[in-house]
């Protein structure tokens, strides 16, 4: 199966490209003039970083337990990773898209709300393509952070 390599997220304030090749990064494609981050801003963090799709997009370092810890695993799920390992992230997600043009069209619409039902089909398609076993991306299912429960 071919892994998803990129998608686009429309957020409350901007449009982001999420690149999932090798080391994931987020790149701002469009935004309001008074945004904190200008168009072209890139959030990245190196080869060990991951991207979580939650109510927002969040880059983070999976928490690795050392010899000092009784656990010997790498925690990939955002909801169980200490926030000190969270890095760059976006504002609340309106919708997810596979095509930049669709994301830009969505961003131009009025009355956008988080997890907007008008684009729920496209959002679910992206989440399905990320799946549960993507090497550098995860979909958060925890009720307080999950993107989809805010829609259902």
Protein backbone atom coordinates (compact mmCIF):
# COMPACT_ATOMS: atom_id res chain seq x y z
CA UNK A 1 0.00 0.00 0.00
CA UNK A 2 1.29 3.47 -0.90
CA UNK A 3 1.60 5.79 2.10
CA UNK A 4 0.13 9.27 2.03
CA UNK A 5 2.96 11.76 1.42
CA UNK A 6 1.16 15.10 1.79
CA UNK A 7 -2.18 16.71 2.51
CA UNK A 8 -3.53 20.20 3.15
CA UNK A 9 -5.22 21.51 6.27
CA UNK A 10 -7.45 24.55 6.45
CA UNK A 11 -7.39 25.97 9.96
CA UNK A 12 -9.17 28.86 11.63
CA UNK A 13 -6.45 31.27 10.51
CA UNK A 14 -4.55 29.67 7.63
CA UNK A 15 -3.84 26.88 5.14
CA UNK A 16 -1.00 24.45 5.83
CA UNK A 17 0.68 21.77 3.75
CA UNK A 18 1.58 18.71 5.80
CA UNK A 19 4.49 16.90 4.22
CA UNK A 20 4.84 13.30 5.42
CA UNK A 21 7.88 12.22 3.40
CA UNK A 22 10.69 10.99 5.68
CA UNK A 23 10.79 13.83 8.24
CA UNK A 24 7.37 15.48 8.45
CA UNK A 25 6.97 19.22 8.38
CA UNK A 26 4.20 21.81 8.15
CA UNK A 27 4.44 24.71 5.71
CA UNK A 28 2.08 27.67 5.76
CA UNK A 29 0.50 28.21 2.33
CA UNK A 30 -1.96 31.05 3.09
CA UNK A 31 -3.04 33.15 6.03
CA UNK A 32 -4.45 36.39 7.31
CA UNK A 33 -2.19 39.45 7.14
CA UNK A 34 -2.01 39.82 10.92
CA UNK A 35 -1.02 36.20 11.58
CA UNK A 36 1.82 35.45 13.95
CA UNK A 37 3.50 33.31 11.28
CA UNK A 38 3.91 34.62 7.70
CA UNK A 39 3.19 32.54 4.60
CA UNK A 40 6.16 30.27 3.98
CA UNK A 41 6.72 29.56 7.69
CA UNK A 42 7.84 25.99 8.16
CA UNK A 43 7.58 23.91 11.33
CA UNK A 44 9.98 20.98 11.26
CA UNK A 45 12.07 19.07 13.72
CA UNK A 46 14.34 16.48 12.17
CA UNK A 47 14.24 12.79 11.51
CA UNK A 48 12.65 11.60 14.75
CA UNK A 49 9.66 13.97 14.72
CA UNK A 50 6.08 12.86 14.07
CA UNK A 51 2.86 14.60 13.07
CA UNK A 52 -0.41 14.04 14.89
CA UNK A 53 -3.77 14.94 13.40
CA UNK A 54 -5.92 16.01 16.32
CA UNK A 55 -8.22 19.04 16.61
CA UNK A 56 -5.12 20.76 15.25
CA UNK A 57 -1.98 19.50 13.52
CA UNK A 58 0.78 18.93 16.05
CA UNK A 59 4.42 18.04 15.49
CA UNK A 60 5.95 16.13 18.39
CA UNK A 61 8.75 13.82 19.39
CA UNK A 62 7.58 10.33 20.36
CA UNK A 63 8.38 9.73 24.00
CA UNK A 64 11.06 7.09 24.39
CA UNK A 65 11.41 5.33 27.72
CA UNK A 66 14.96 4.79 28.89
CA UNK A 67 16.73 2.25 31.09
CA UNK A 68 15.65 4.31 34.07
CA UNK A 69 12.03 3.62 33.22
CA UNK A 70 10.30 0.28 33.66
CA UNK A 71 8.84 0.70 30.18
CA UNK A 72 10.96 0.03 27.13
CA UNK A 73 8.83 1.30 24.30
CA UNK A 74 8.35 4.34 22.14
CA UNK A 75 5.03 6.11 22.70
CA UNK A 76 3.65 7.33 19.35
CA UNK A 77 0.19 8.45 20.46
CA UNK A 78 0.00 12.20 21.03
CA UNK A 79 -2.35 11.91 24.00
CA UNK A 80 0.27 9.93 25.95
CA UNK A 81 3.31 12.03 25.06
CA UNK A 82 4.31 14.68 27.59
CA UNK A 83 3.56 18.16 26.22
CA UNK A 84 7.19 19.12 26.70
CA UNK A 85 7.83 17.01 23.56
CA UNK A 86 5.23 18.87 21.50
CA UNK A 87 6.64 21.41 19.01
CA UNK A 88 5.07 23.51 16.23
CA UNK A 89 1.38 23.17 15.62
CA UNK A 90 -1.59 24.83 13.96
CA UNK A 91 -4.81 26.38 15.15
CA UNK A 92 -8.05 24.37 15.07
CA UNK A 93 -8.68 22.43 11.86
CA UNK A 94 -11.62 23.33 9.61
CA UNK A 95 -11.02 20.52 7.09
CA UNK A 96 -8.36 18.31 5.50
CA UNK A 97 -7.80 17.91 1.75
CA UNK A 98 -5.67 15.93 -0.67
CA UNK A 99 -5.60 18.81 -3.17
CA UNK A 100 -4.23 22.29 -2.55
CA UNK A 101 -6.87 23.88 -4.81
CA UNK A 102 -9.71 22.43 -2.72
CA UNK A 103 -8.06 23.67 0.48
CA UNK A 104 -7.66 27.18 -0.94
CA UNK A 105 -11.32 27.20 -2.09
CA UNK A 106 -12.44 26.12 1.38
CA UNK A 107 -10.33 28.83 3.02
CA UNK A 108 -12.13 31.52 0.97
CA UNK A 109 -15.57 30.48 2.28
CA UNK A 110 -17.44 32.39 4.97
CA UNK A 111 -18.53 31.17 8.39
CA UNK A 112 -15.88 28.46 8.74
CA UNK A 113 -16.08 26.40 11.92
CA UNK A 114 -13.75 23.75 13.35
CA UNK A 115 -14.29 20.37 11.66
CA UNK A 116 -16.79 21.91 9.26
CA UNK A 117 -19.39 19.38 8.09
CA UNK A 118 -19.29 20.82 4.55
CA UNK A 119 -15.92 19.11 4.06
CA UNK A 120 -16.34 16.10 6.33
CA UNK A 121 -16.06 13.63 3.42
CA UNK A 122 -12.68 15.05 2.35
CA UNK A 123 -11.47 15.16 5.96
CA UNK A 124 -12.40 11.53 6.57
CA UNK A 125 -10.69 10.51 3.32
CA UNK A 126 -7.40 12.06 4.47
CA UNK A 127 -7.69 10.44 7.91
CA UNK A 128 -8.35 7.06 6.29
CA UNK A 129 -5.28 7.42 4.04
CA UNK A 130 -3.09 8.26 7.04
CA UNK A 131 -4.46 5.20 8.76
CA UNK A 132 -3.22 3.65 11.97
CA UNK A 133 0.24 2.49 10.85
CA UNK A 134 1.76 5.46 9.04
CA UNK A 135 5.48 5.68 9.91
CA UNK A 136 5.54 9.44 10.65
CA UNK A 137 1.89 10.43 11.25
CA UNK A 138 -0.81 9.44 13.69
CA UNK A 139 -4.51 10.15 13.99
CA UNK A 140 -5.52 11.06 17.52
CA UNK A 141 -8.64 9.26 18.76
CA UNK A 142 -8.71 10.54 22.32
CA UNK A 143 -12.09 12.32 22.81
CA UNK A 144 -10.61 15.58 24.13
CA UNK A 145 -8.17 15.91 21.21
CA UNK A 146 -9.74 14.01 18.32
CA UNK A 147 -10.77 15.92 15.21
CA UNK A 148 -13.78 13.82 14.23
CA UNK A 149 -15.75 13.60 17.50
CA UNK A 150 -16.22 17.37 17.29
CA UNK A 151 -18.21 16.68 14.11
CA UNK A 152 -20.31 13.66 15.04
